[in-house]
Amino acid sequence: MLFKKMHAYGDPVQYSIFQCALSPSERVVMTTAVREIINEKEDRVLIVNLGPVEGEGGDRMQHIGRTSPLPVRAPVVV
């Protein structure tokens, strides 16, 4: 269920890892959606801010093998 829900926020890099380019308000919406799905006593979700995609964000990741392009930041109306 969480895997399907995360497709609305980012692109899967691996089965349980998603790259998301989110504004602060989008991050709040995503975090709220995740909290509604998981069992916080049993499940664990780690959200890591790598910085802006346009800045150092892309430089903070190292891919070995097949890679996926970084998400392109586009305007979002909420």
C-alpha atoms as a PDB file:
ATOM      1  CA  MET A   1       0.000   0.000   0.000  1.00  0.00           C
ATOM      2  CA  LEU A   2       2.752   2.463   0.935  1.00  0.00           C
ATOM      3  CA  PHE A   3       4.702   1.602  -2.231  1.00  0.00           C
ATOM      4  CA  LYS A   4       1.710   2.510  -4.420  1.00  0.00           C
ATOM      5  CA  LYS A   5       1.049   5.713  -2.448  1.00  0.00           C
ATOM      6  CA  MET A   6       4.659   6.892  -2.793  1.00  0.00           C
ATOM      7  CA  HIS A   7       4.380   6.923  -6.594  1.00  0.00           C
ATOM      8  CA  ALA A   8       2.365  10.130  -6.175  1.00  0.00           C
ATOM      9  CA  TYR A   9       5.392  11.846  -4.600  1.00  0.00           C
ATOM     10  CA  GLY A  10       8.461  10.481  -6.348  1.00  0.00           C
ATOM     11  CA  ASP A  11      10.136   7.931  -8.544  1.00  0.00           C
ATOM     12  CA  PRO A  12      11.173   4.504  -7.249  1.00  0.00           C
ATOM     13  CA  VAL A  13      14.925   3.970  -7.248  1.00  0.00           C
ATOM     14  CA  GLN A  14      14.651   0.526  -5.688  1.00  0.00           C
ATOM     15  CA  TYR A  15      11.619  -1.320  -4.340  1.00  0.00           C
ATOM     16  CA  SER A  16      11.434   0.657  -1.094  1.00  0.00           C
ATOM     17  CA  ILE A  17      13.519   3.737  -1.960  1.00  0.00           C
ATOM     18  CA  PHE A  18      12.029   6.784  -3.657  1.00  0.00           C
ATOM     19  CA  GLN A  19      13.620   9.981  -4.974  1.00  0.00           C
ATOM     20  CA  CYS A  20      11.291  12.902  -4.386  1.00  0.00           C
ATOM     21  CA  ALA A  21      11.793  16.570  -5.246  1.00  0.00           C
ATOM     22  CA  LEU A  22       9.377  18.181  -2.792  1.00  0.00           C
ATOM     23  CA  SER A  23       8.630  21.672  -1.596  1.00  0.00           C
ATOM     24  CA  PRO A  24       8.259  22.065   2.181  1.00  0.00           C
ATOM     25  CA  SER A  25       4.455  21.924   1.882  1.00  0.00           C
ATOM     26  CA  GLU A  26       4.599  18.822  -0.341  1.00  0.00           C
ATOM     27  CA  ARG A  27       6.822  17.138   2.252  1.00  0.00           C
ATOM     28  CA  VAL A  28       4.210  17.800   4.945  1.00  0.00           C
ATOM     29  CA  VAL A  29       1.474  16.329   2.738  1.00  0.00           C
ATOM     30  CA  MET A  30       3.607  13.253   1.988  1.00  0.00           C
ATOM     31  CA  THR A  31       4.546  12.766   5.656  1.00  0.00           C
ATOM     32  CA  THR A  32       0.880  12.963   6.665  1.00  0.00           C
ATOM     33  CA  ALA A  33      -0.077  10.403   4.009  1.00  0.00           C
ATOM     34  CA  VAL A  34       2.680   8.031   5.179  1.00  0.00           C
ATOM     35  CA  ARG A  35       1.593   8.336   8.828  1.00  0.00           C
ATOM     36  CA  GLU A  36      -1.966   7.361   7.832  1.00  0.00           C
ATOM     37  CA  ILE A  37      -0.749   4.127   6.222  1.00  0.00           C
ATOM     38  CA  ILE A  38       2.008   2.743   8.423  1.00  0.00           C
ATOM     39  CA  ASN A  39       1.856   1.146  11.843  1.00  0.00           C
ATOM     40  CA  GLU A  40       4.291   3.410  13.720  1.00  0.00           C
ATOM     41  CA  LYS A  41       4.945   0.710  16.339  1.00  0.00           C
ATOM     42  CA  GLU A  42       6.116  -1.810  13.715  1.00  0.00           C
ATOM     43  CA  ASP A  43       7.060   0.048  10.531  1.00  0.00           C
ATOM     44  CA  ARG A  44       9.868   2.485   9.872  1.00  0.00           C
ATOM     45  CA  VAL A  45      10.160   5.187   7.212  1.00  0.00           C
ATOM     46  CA  LEU A  46      13.306   7.288   6.880  1.00  0.00           C
ATOM     47  CA  ILE A  47      13.077  10.644   5.101  1.00  0.00           C
ATOM     48  CA  VAL A  48      16.447  12.141   4.172  1.00  0.00           C
ATOM     49  CA  ASN A  49      16.813  15.701   2.876  1.00  0.00           C
ATOM     50  CA  LEU A  50      19.698  15.738   0.385  1.00  0.00           C
ATOM     51  CA  GLY A  51      19.235  19.411  -0.420  1.00  0.00           C
ATOM     52  CA  PRO A  52      17.976  21.041  -3.602  1.00  0.00           C
ATOM     53  CA  VAL A  53      18.114  18.959  -6.768  1.00  0.00           C
ATOM     54  CA  GLU A  54      19.529  22.031  -8.531  1.00  0.00           C
ATOM     55  CA  GLY A  55      22.355  22.333  -5.985  1.00  0.00           C
ATOM     56  CA  GLU A  56      24.366  19.614  -4.297  1.00  0.00           C
ATOM     57  CA  GLY A  57      21.492  17.116  -4.061  1.00  0.00           C
ATOM     58  CA  GLY A  58      22.579  15.181  -7.115  1.00  0.00           C
ATOM     59  CA  ASP A  59      26.208  15.178  -6.022  1.00  0.00           C
ATOM     60  CA  ARG A  60      25.340  13.533  -2.680  1.00  0.00           C
ATOM     61  CA  MET A  61      24.285  10.269  -4.299  1.00  0.00           C
ATOM     62  CA  GLN A  62      26.508   7.684  -5.921  1.00  0.00           C
ATOM     63  CA  HIS A  63      25.016   5.159  -8.326  1.00  0.00           C
ATOM     64  CA  ILE A  64      26.685   1.885  -9.192  1.00  0.00           C
ATOM     65  CA  GLY A  65      25.102  -0.046 -12.037  1.00  0.00           C
ATOM     66  CA  ARG A  66      21.875   0.972 -13.736  1.00  0.00           C
ATOM     67  CA  THR A  67      20.867   4.509 -12.779  1.00  0.00           C
ATOM     68  CA  SER A  68      17.696   6.561 -12.824  1.00  0.00           C
ATOM     69  CA  PRO A  69      17.656  10.246 -13.750  1.00  0.00           C
ATOM     70  CA  LEU A  70      17.120  12.715 -10.910  1.00  0.00           C
ATOM     71  CA  PRO A  71      13.582  14.065 -10.698  1.00  0.00           C
ATOM     72  CA  VAL A  72      12.977  17.300 -12.566  1.00  0.00           C
ATOM     73  CA  ARG A  73      11.507  20.003 -10.362  1.00  0.00           C
ATOM     74  CA  ALA A  74       8.355  21.444 -11.896  1.00  0.00           C
ATOM     75  CA  PRO A  75       5.790  23.881 -10.523  1.00  0.00           C
ATOM     76  CA  VAL A  76       3.048  22.243  -8.469  1.00  0.00           C
ATOM     77  CA  VAL A  77      -0.280  23.833  -7.598  1.00  0.00           C
ATOM     78  CA  VAL A  78      -1.656  22.690  -4.236  1.00  0.00           C
END
